[in-house]
């Protein structure tokens, strides 16, 4: 192999391992996610039925149940990167490839989970219209009705990505530095994710956080959330740089 082919081979390997890590994280999360969605949809139907039968439906039920998808992504963000580290190493991957793969998977997961949740909300709104129930949402910044599909997708995509990146950082920090320093990393990650919750609201934790910034305009909430997500991505990158995946690999870092 000549010196002129080395950069190409390294770049090709980097692309392959980036794709492998991203696809592994995405597929692995959705394999578990199938059961998550089956459970939360069943719970939503049961709660709607029982509320209508024994009480009065006063607004969306799905927002608080289906909206827990971002919490699920946070948990999977901790688990999945740890589970795939050995696979990434065996494939000859670099830390840069791992970061890019996780970031791409995080975006894809956040958007697809948000779309699945928004579809469920849309179905609930159609059922509510037919049954004469109100479909209003009280604790979200970007949407106020269960049928606001695209606004829900935007809101839940941003919050889901924040949860996933925060979870991935915590998981890798615990793996790299142990329980004490890992817990030190956990605290600011929780604060960053909570800040996104304060900005966007909605979902399972909307009633807890939204009132903290109830006068914030939607465009400001989105802008602040994007900045926080960018910071989370930078912190994840810096944390992964300390993981000894492939010392001295071309293009590593």
C-alpha atoms as a PDB file:
ATOM      1  CA  UNK A   1       0.000   0.000   0.000  1.00  0.00           C
ATOM      2  CA  UNK A   2       1.460   3.316  -0.999  1.00  0.00           C
ATOM      3  CA  UNK A   3       1.484   6.480   1.059  1.00  0.00           C
ATOM      4  CA  UNK A   4      -0.957   8.105  -1.355  1.00  0.00           C
ATOM      5  CA  UNK A   5      -3.653   5.518  -0.607  1.00  0.00           C
ATOM      6  CA  UNK A   6      -3.429   5.792   3.194  1.00  0.00           C
ATOM      7  CA  UNK A   7      -5.502   8.990   3.544  1.00  0.00           C
ATOM      8  CA  UNK A   8      -8.198   7.504   1.319  1.00  0.00           C
ATOM      9  CA  UNK A   9      -8.273   4.244   3.275  1.00  0.00           C
ATOM     10  CA  UNK A  10      -8.433   6.099   6.591  1.00  0.00           C
ATOM     11  CA  UNK A  11     -11.230   8.325   5.316  1.00  0.00           C
ATOM     12  CA  UNK A  12     -13.172   5.337   3.968  1.00  0.00           C
ATOM     13  CA  UNK A  13     -12.781   3.503   7.280  1.00  0.00           C
ATOM     14  CA  UNK A  14     -13.925   6.613   9.123  1.00  0.00           C
ATOM     15  CA  UNK A  15     -17.059   6.872   6.963  1.00  0.00           C
ATOM     16  CA  UNK A  16     -17.870   3.175   7.367  1.00  0.00           C
ATOM     17  CA  UNK A  17     -17.483   3.189  11.147  1.00  0.00           C
ATOM     18  CA  UNK A  18     -19.431   6.448  11.455  1.00  0.00           C
ATOM     19  CA  UNK A  19     -22.294   4.880   9.513  1.00  0.00           C
ATOM     20  CA  UNK A  20     -22.015   1.651  11.500  1.00  0.00           C
ATOM     21  CA  UNK A  21     -22.146   3.404  14.859  1.00  0.00           C
ATOM     22  CA  UNK A  22     -25.040   5.608  13.793  1.00  0.00           C
ATOM     23  CA  UNK A  23     -27.103   2.764  12.345  1.00  0.00           C
ATOM     24  CA  UNK A  24     -26.353   0.565  15.369  1.00  0.00           C
ATOM     25  CA  UNK A  25     -27.532   3.251  17.794  1.00  0.00           C
ATOM     26  CA  UNK A  26     -30.637   4.021  15.719  1.00  0.00           C
ATOM     27  CA  UNK A  27     -31.704   0.429  15.116  1.00  0.00           C
ATOM     28  CA  UNK A  28     -30.852  -0.682  18.652  1.00  0.00           C
ATOM     29  CA  UNK A  29     -32.966   2.079  20.155  1.00  0.00           C
ATOM     30  CA  UNK A  30     -35.925   1.417  17.881  1.00  0.00           C
ATOM     31  CA  UNK A  31     -35.834  -2.304  18.629  1.00  0.00           C
ATOM     32  CA  UNK A  32     -36.521  -1.475  22.260  1.00  0.00           C
ATOM     33  CA  UNK A  33     -38.664   1.487  21.253  1.00  0.00           C
ATOM     34  CA  UNK A  34     -41.252  -0.782  19.640  1.00  0.00           C
ATOM     35  CA  UNK A  35     -42.200  -2.070  23.070  1.00  0.00           C
ATOM     36  CA  UNK A  36     -42.108   1.411  24.571  1.00  0.00           C
ATOM     37  CA  UNK A  37     -44.632   2.658  22.007  1.00  0.00           C
ATOM     38  CA  UNK A  38     -46.854  -0.397  22.425  1.00  0.00           C
ATOM     39  CA  UNK A  39     -46.971   0.205  26.172  1.00  0.00           C
ATOM     40  CA  UNK A  40     -47.596   3.967  26.094  1.00  0.00           C
ATOM     41  CA  UNK A  41     -50.264   3.675  23.395  1.00  0.00           C
ATOM     42  CA  UNK A  42     -52.050   1.007  25.435  1.00  0.00           C
ATOM     43  CA  UNK A  43     -51.827   3.203  28.545  1.00  0.00           C
ATOM     44  CA  UNK A  44     -53.156   6.218  26.622  1.00  0.00           C
ATOM     45  CA  UNK A  45     -56.160   4.262  25.327  1.00  0.00           C
ATOM     46  CA  UNK A  46     -56.872   2.851  28.788  1.00  0.00           C
ATOM     47  CA  UNK A  47     -56.653   6.261  30.479  1.00  0.00           C
ATOM     48  CA  UNK A  48     -58.901   7.871  27.870  1.00  0.00           C
ATOM     49  CA  UNK A  49     -61.471   5.106  28.221  1.00  0.00           C
ATOM     50  CA  UNK A  50     -61.492   5.179  32.019  1.00  0.00           C
ATOM     51  CA  UNK A  51     -61.543   8.968  32.176  1.00  0.00           C
ATOM     52  CA  UNK A  52     -64.470   9.161  29.789  1.00  0.00           C
ATOM     53  CA  UNK A  53     -66.349   6.362  31.556  1.00  0.00           C
ATOM     54  CA  UNK A  54     -65.867   7.484  35.139  1.00  0.00           C
ATOM     55  CA  UNK A  55     -65.103  11.169  34.806  1.00  0.00           C
ATOM     56  CA  UNK A  56     -64.744  13.903  32.216  1.00  0.00           C
ATOM     57  CA  UNK A  57     -62.015  14.370  29.613  1.00  0.00           C
ATOM     58  CA  UNK A  58     -60.811  17.949  30.056  1.00  0.00           C
ATOM     59  CA  UNK A  59     -57.901  17.988  27.615  1.00  0.00           C
ATOM     60  CA  UNK A  60     -55.300  15.848  25.927  1.00  0.00           C
ATOM     61  CA  UNK A  61     -54.207  12.706  27.736  1.00  0.00           C
ATOM     62  CA  UNK A  62     -51.645  11.613  25.139  1.00  0.00           C
ATOM     63  CA  UNK A  63     -49.395  14.643  25.659  1.00  0.00           C
ATOM     64  CA  UNK A  64     -48.337  13.476  29.102  1.00  0.00           C
ATOM     65  CA  UNK A  65     -48.058   9.792  28.188  1.00  0.00           C
ATOM     66  CA  UNK A  66     -46.741   9.728  24.627  1.00  0.00           C
ATOM     67  CA  UNK A  67     -44.629  12.764  25.540  1.00  0.00           C
ATOM     68  CA  UNK A  68     -42.542  10.574  27.820  1.00  0.00           C
ATOM     69  CA  UNK A  69     -40.692   9.477  24.663  1.00  0.00           C
ATOM     70  CA  UNK A  70     -37.934  12.015  25.366  1.00  0.00           C
ATOM     71  CA  UNK A  71     -37.303  10.429  28.768  1.00  0.00           C
ATOM     72  CA  UNK A  72     -37.046   7.065  27.028  1.00  0.00           C
ATOM     73  CA  UNK A  73     -34.496   8.546  24.613  1.00  0.00           C
ATOM     74  CA  UNK A  74     -32.498   9.868  27.554  1.00  0.00           C
ATOM     75  CA  UNK A  75     -32.347   6.414  29.110  1.00  0.00           C
ATOM     76  CA  UNK A  76     -31.423   4.782  25.816  1.00  0.00           C
ATOM     77  CA  UNK A  77     -28.816   7.509  25.324  1.00  0.00           C
ATOM     78  CA  UNK A  78     -27.096   6.176  28.420  1.00  0.00           C
ATOM     79  CA  UNK A  79     -27.411   2.498  27.520  1.00  0.00           C
ATOM     80  CA  UNK A  80     -26.847   2.280  23.764  1.00  0.00           C
ATOM     81  CA  UNK A  81     -23.435   4.035  23.467  1.00  0.00           C
ATOM     82  CA  UNK A  82     -22.043   1.832  26.230  1.00  0.00           C
ATOM     83  CA  UNK A  83     -23.392  -1.309  24.572  1.00  0.00           C
ATOM     84  CA  UNK A  84     -21.831  -0.451  21.212  1.00  0.00           C
ATOM     85  CA  UNK A  85     -18.350   0.633  22.356  1.00  0.00           C
ATOM     86  CA  UNK A  86     -16.898  -2.855  21.927  1.00  0.00           C
ATOM     87  CA  UNK A  87     -18.523  -3.203  18.491  1.00  0.00           C
ATOM     88  CA  UNK A  88     -17.104   0.150  17.450  1.00  0.00           C
ATOM     89  CA  UNK A  89     -13.634  -0.910  18.639  1.00  0.00           C
ATOM     90  CA  UNK A  90     -13.841  -4.245  16.823  1.00  0.00           C
ATOM     91  CA  UNK A  91     -14.723  -2.395  13.614  1.00  0.00           C
ATOM     92  CA  UNK A  92     -11.607  -0.238  13.947  1.00  0.00           C
ATOM     93  CA  UNK A  93     -13.566   2.942  14.627  1.00  0.00           C
ATOM     94  CA  UNK A  94     -12.211   6.237  15.904  1.00  0.00           C
ATOM     95  CA  UNK A  95     -13.590   8.481  18.582  1.00  0.00           C
ATOM     96  CA  UNK A  96     -14.542  11.024  15.924  1.00  0.00           C
ATOM     97  CA  UNK A  97     -16.536   8.377  14.075  1.00  0.00           C
ATOM     98  CA  UNK A  98     -18.300   7.377  17.289  1.00  0.00           C
ATOM     99  CA  UNK A  99     -19.257  10.968  18.037  1.00  0.00           C
ATOM    100  CA  UNK A 100     -20.532  11.618  14.527  1.00  0.00           C
ATOM    101  CA  UNK A 101     -22.470   8.366  14.506  1.00  0.00           C
ATOM    102  CA  UNK A 102     -24.116   9.109  17.857  1.00  0.00           C
ATOM    103  CA  UNK A 103     -24.930  12.657  16.836  1.00  0.00           C
ATOM    104  CA  UNK A 104     -26.530  11.496  13.576  1.00  0.00           C
ATOM    105  CA  UNK A 105     -28.424   8.747  15.366  1.00  0.00           C
ATOM    106  CA  UNK A 106     -29.577  11.209  18.008  1.00  0.00           C
ATOM    107  CA  UNK A 107     -31.034  13.537  15.378  1.00  0.00           C
ATOM    108  CA  UNK A 108     -32.722  10.680  13.513  1.00  0.00           C
ATOM    109  CA  UNK A 109     -34.117   9.173  16.712  1.00  0.00           C
ATOM    110  CA  UNK A 110     -35.384  12.498  18.017  1.00  0.00           C
ATOM    111  CA  UNK A 111     -37.202  13.271  14.778  1.00  0.00           C
ATOM    112  CA  UNK A 112     -38.677   9.801  14.221  1.00  0.00           C
ATOM    113  CA  UNK A 113     -39.799   9.423  17.829  1.00  0.00           C
ATOM    114  CA  UNK A 114     -41.301  12.910  17.703  1.00  0.00           C
ATOM    115  CA  UNK A 115     -43.164  12.035  14.504  1.00  0.00           C
ATOM    116  CA  UNK A 116     -44.490   8.833  16.056  1.00  0.00           C
ATOM    117  CA  UNK A 117     -45.649  10.724  19.131  1.00  0.00           C
ATOM    118  CA  UNK A 118     -47.174  13.538  17.077  1.00  0.00           C
ATOM    119  CA  UNK A 119     -49.049  10.955  14.985  1.00  0.00           C
ATOM    120  CA  UNK A 120     -50.479   9.514  18.181  1.00  0.00           C
ATOM    121  CA  UNK A 121     -51.476  12.995  19.317  1.00  0.00           C
ATOM    122  CA  UNK A 122     -53.156  13.589  15.952  1.00  0.00           C
ATOM    123  CA  UNK A 123     -55.157  10.379  16.296  1.00  0.00           C
ATOM    124  CA  UNK A 124     -56.203  11.449  19.786  1.00  0.00           C
ATOM    125  CA  UNK A 125     -57.345  14.823  18.428  1.00  0.00           C
ATOM    126  CA  UNK A 126     -59.482  13.116  15.777  1.00  0.00           C
ATOM    127  CA  UNK A 127     -61.052  10.839  18.392  1.00  0.00           C
ATOM    128  CA  UNK A 128     -61.597  13.844  20.686  1.00  0.00           C
ATOM    129  CA  UNK A 129     -63.322  15.784  17.904  1.00  0.00           C
ATOM    130  CA  UNK A 130     -65.619  12.862  17.166  1.00  0.00           C
ATOM    131  CA  UNK A 131     -66.421  12.326  20.852  1.00  0.00           C
ATOM    132  CA  UNK A 132     -66.809  16.014  21.644  1.00  0.00           C
ATOM    133  CA  UNK A 133     -63.817  16.094  24.010  1.00  0.00           C
ATOM    134  CA  UNK A 134     -61.496  19.093  24.263  1.00  0.00           C
ATOM    135  CA  UNK A 135     -58.048  18.467  22.798  1.00  0.00           C
ATOM    136  CA  UNK A 136     -56.275  21.419  24.346  1.00  0.00           C
ATOM    137  CA  UNK A 137     -52.730  21.327  25.745  1.00  0.00           C
ATOM    138  CA  UNK A 138     -51.960  23.583  28.690  1.00  0.00           C
ATOM    139  CA  UNK A 139     -48.231  23.241  29.304  1.00  0.00           C
ATOM    140  CA  UNK A 140     -46.476  23.437  25.922  1.00  0.00           C
ATOM    141  CA  UNK A 141     -44.760  26.441  24.397  1.00  0.00           C
ATOM    142  CA  UNK A 142     -45.029  25.633  20.680  1.00  0.00           C
ATOM    143  CA  UNK A 143     -48.424  23.944  20.456  1.00  0.00           C
ATOM    144  CA  UNK A 144     -51.778  24.253  22.215  1.00  0.00           C
ATOM    145  CA  UNK A 145     -53.804  21.500  20.549  1.00  0.00           C
ATOM    146  CA  UNK A 146     -53.238  17.757  20.221  1.00  0.00           C
ATOM    147  CA  UNK A 147     -53.615  18.094  16.456  1.00  0.00           C
ATOM    148  CA  UNK A 148     -50.744  20.577  15.979  1.00  0.00           C
ATOM    149  CA  UNK A 149     -48.659  17.900  14.256  1.00  0.00           C
ATOM    150  CA  UNK A 150     -45.682  19.893  12.948  1.00  0.00           C
ATOM    151  CA  UNK A 151     -45.339  22.036  16.060  1.00  0.00           C
ATOM    152  CA  UNK A 152     -45.320  18.896  18.197  1.00  0.00           C
ATOM    153  CA  UNK A 153     -42.694  17.305  15.940  1.00  0.00           C
ATOM    154  CA  UNK A 154     -40.463  20.380  16.294  1.00  0.00           C
ATOM    155  CA  UNK A 155     -40.876  20.609  20.051  1.00  0.00           C
ATOM    156  CA  UNK A 156     -40.405  16.907  20.762  1.00  0.00           C
ATOM    157  CA  UNK A 157     -37.493  16.614  18.306  1.00  0.00           C
ATOM    158  CA  UNK A 158     -35.538  19.312  20.117  1.00  0.00           C
ATOM    159  CA  UNK A 159     -36.256  17.998  23.588  1.00  0.00           C
ATOM    160  CA  UNK A 160     -35.669  14.381  22.525  1.00  0.00           C
ATOM    161  CA  UNK A 161     -32.279  15.255  21.042  1.00  0.00           C
ATOM    162  CA  UNK A 162     -31.309  17.097  24.220  1.00  0.00           C
ATOM    163  CA  UNK A 163     -32.236  14.070  26.316  1.00  0.00           C
ATOM    164  CA  UNK A 164     -30.353  11.646  24.059  1.00  0.00           C
ATOM    165  CA  UNK A 165     -27.143  13.711  23.948  1.00  0.00           C
ATOM    166  CA  UNK A 166     -27.278  14.336  27.677  1.00  0.00           C
ATOM    167  CA  UNK A 167     -27.810  10.637  28.337  1.00  0.00           C
ATOM    168  CA  UNK A 168     -24.974   9.615  26.017  1.00  0.00           C
ATOM    169  CA  UNK A 169     -22.598  12.022  27.764  1.00  0.00           C
ATOM    170  CA  UNK A 170     -23.532  10.665  31.184  1.00  0.00           C
ATOM    171  CA  UNK A 171     -23.176   7.037  30.104  1.00  0.00           C
ATOM    172  CA  UNK A 172     -19.761   7.532  28.546  1.00  0.00           C
ATOM    173  CA  UNK A 173     -18.626   9.668  31.491  1.00  0.00           C
ATOM    174  CA  UNK A 174     -19.521   6.900  33.945  1.00  0.00           C
ATOM    175  CA  UNK A 175     -17.735   4.346  31.778  1.00  0.00           C
ATOM    176  CA  UNK A 176     -14.614   6.485  31.392  1.00  0.00           C
ATOM    177  CA  UNK A 177     -14.253   8.092  34.808  1.00  0.00           C
ATOM    178  CA  UNK A 178     -16.211   5.955  37.233  1.00  0.00           C
ATOM    179  CA  UNK A 179     -19.095   6.752  39.597  1.00  0.00           C
ATOM    180  CA  UNK A 180     -17.739   9.900  41.260  1.00  0.00           C
ATOM    181  CA  UNK A 181     -16.694  11.933  38.216  1.00  0.00           C
ATOM    182  CA  UNK A 182     -19.572  10.436  36.255  1.00  0.00           C
ATOM    183  CA  UNK A 183     -21.977  11.872  38.818  1.00  0.00           C
ATOM    184  CA  UNK A 184     -20.221  15.228  38.545  1.00  0.00           C
ATOM    185  CA  UNK A 185     -21.022  15.175  34.822  1.00  0.00           C
ATOM    186  CA  UNK A 186     -24.594  14.068  35.538  1.00  0.00           C
ATOM    187  CA  UNK A 187     -25.500  17.257  37.408  1.00  0.00           C
ATOM    188  CA  UNK A 188     -24.888  19.778  34.573  1.00  0.00           C
ATOM    189  CA  UNK A 189     -26.474  17.396  32.056  1.00  0.00           C
ATOM    190  CA  UNK A 190     -29.668  17.334  34.111  1.00  0.00           C
ATOM    191  CA  UNK A 191     -29.541  21.126  34.362  1.00  0.00           C
ATOM    192  CA  UNK A 192     -29.131  21.498  30.579  1.00  0.00           C
ATOM    193  CA  UNK A 193     -31.980  19.122  29.777  1.00  0.00           C
ATOM    194  CA  UNK A 194     -34.173  20.826  32.382  1.00  0.00           C
ATOM    195  CA  UNK A 195     -33.434  24.162  30.696  1.00  0.00           C
ATOM    196  CA  UNK A 196     -34.749  22.776  27.398  1.00  0.00           C
ATOM    197  CA  UNK A 197     -37.843  21.551  29.241  1.00  0.00           C
ATOM    198  CA  UNK A 198     -38.350  25.025  30.700  1.00  0.00           C
ATOM    199  CA  UNK A 199     -38.099  26.549  27.224  1.00  0.00           C
ATOM    200  CA  UNK A 200     -40.324  24.090  25.333  1.00  0.00           C
ATOM    201  CA  UNK A 201     -42.607  22.451  27.877  1.00  0.00           C
ATOM    202  CA  UNK A 202     -45.092  19.833  26.765  1.00  0.00           C
ATOM    203  CA  UNK A 203     -44.842  16.101  27.246  1.00  0.00           C
ATOM    204  CA  UNK A 204     -44.675  14.247  30.518  1.00  0.00           C
ATOM    205  CA  UNK A 205     -42.798  16.979  32.410  1.00  0.00           C
ATOM    206  CA  UNK A 206     -44.510  20.008  30.904  1.00  0.00           C
ATOM    207  CA  UNK A 207     -46.559  20.818  34.022  1.00  0.00           C
ATOM    208  CA  UNK A 208     -43.382  20.775  36.134  1.00  0.00           C
ATOM    209  CA  UNK A 209     -41.228  23.153  34.092  1.00  0.00           C
ATOM    210  CA  UNK A 210     -43.300  25.304  31.750  1.00  0.00           C
ATOM    211  CA  UNK A 211     -44.482  27.845  34.315  1.00  0.00           C
ATOM    212  CA  UNK A 212     -40.868  28.819  35.004  1.00  0.00           C
ATOM    213  CA  UNK A 213     -40.738  30.742  31.731  1.00  0.00           C
ATOM    214  CA  UNK A 214     -44.379  31.094  30.750  1.00  0.00           C
ATOM    215  CA  UNK A 215     -43.877  34.446  29.001  1.00  0.00           C
ATOM    216  CA  UNK A 216     -41.145  33.233  26.665  1.00  0.00           C
ATOM    217  CA  UNK A 217     -41.960  33.566  22.953  1.00  0.00           C
ATOM    218  CA  UNK A 218     -41.867  30.396  20.877  1.00  0.00           C
ATOM    219  CA  UNK A 219     -39.060  31.576  18.595  1.00  0.00           C
ATOM    220  CA  UNK A 220     -36.935  32.474  21.625  1.00  0.00           C
ATOM    221  CA  UNK A 221     -37.650  29.086  23.198  1.00  0.00           C
ATOM    222  CA  UNK A 222     -36.518  27.300  20.019  1.00  0.00           C
ATOM    223  CA  UNK A 223     -33.381  29.437  19.681  1.00  0.00           C
ATOM    224  CA  UNK A 224     -32.342  28.901  23.298  1.00  0.00           C
ATOM    225  CA  UNK A 225     -33.022  25.168  23.005  1.00  0.00           C
ATOM    226  CA  UNK A 226     -30.852  24.919  19.871  1.00  0.00           C
ATOM    227  CA  UNK A 227     -27.983  26.663  21.690  1.00  0.00           C
ATOM    228  CA  UNK A 228     -28.293  24.285  24.648  1.00  0.00           C
ATOM    229  CA  UNK A 229     -28.320  21.283  22.311  1.00  0.00           C
ATOM    230  CA  UNK A 230     -25.174  22.588  20.599  1.00  0.00           C
ATOM    231  CA  UNK A 231     -23.481  22.865  23.994  1.00  0.00           C
ATOM    232  CA  UNK A 232     -24.554  19.308  24.834  1.00  0.00           C
ATOM    233  CA  UNK A 233     -23.046  18.098  21.548  1.00  0.00           C
ATOM    234  CA  UNK A 234     -19.752  19.844  22.333  1.00  0.00           C
ATOM    235  CA  UNK A 235     -19.656  18.315  25.820  1.00  0.00           C
ATOM    236  CA  UNK A 236     -20.352  14.862  24.367  1.00  0.00           C
ATOM    237  CA  UNK A 237     -17.522  15.336  21.877  1.00  0.00           C
ATOM    238  CA  UNK A 238     -15.090  16.365  24.611  1.00  0.00           C
ATOM    239  CA  UNK A 239     -16.149  13.424  26.771  1.00  0.00           C
ATOM    240  CA  UNK A 240     -15.697  10.925  23.949  1.00  0.00           C
ATOM    241  CA  UNK A 241     -12.221  12.318  23.262  1.00  0.00           C
ATOM    242  CA  UNK A 242     -11.102  10.866  26.598  1.00  0.00           C
ATOM    243  CA  UNK A 243     -12.377   7.379  25.808  1.00  0.00           C
ATOM    244  CA  UNK A 244      -9.421   5.137  24.749  1.00  0.00           C
ATOM    245  CA  UNK A 245     -11.088   3.616  21.727  1.00  0.00           C
ATOM    246  CA  UNK A 246      -8.240   3.591  19.260  1.00  0.00           C
ATOM    247  CA  UNK A 247      -5.066   5.276  20.395  1.00  0.00           C
ATOM    248  CA  UNK A 248      -3.112   6.900  17.602  1.00  0.00           C
ATOM    249  CA  UNK A 249      -5.639   6.142  14.900  1.00  0.00           C
ATOM    250  CA  UNK A 250      -5.517   8.308  11.814  1.00  0.00           C
ATOM    251  CA  UNK A 251      -7.993  11.149  12.022  1.00  0.00           C
ATOM    252  CA  UNK A 252      -8.822  10.328  15.654  1.00  0.00           C
ATOM    253  CA  UNK A 253      -9.937  13.067  18.025  1.00  0.00           C
END
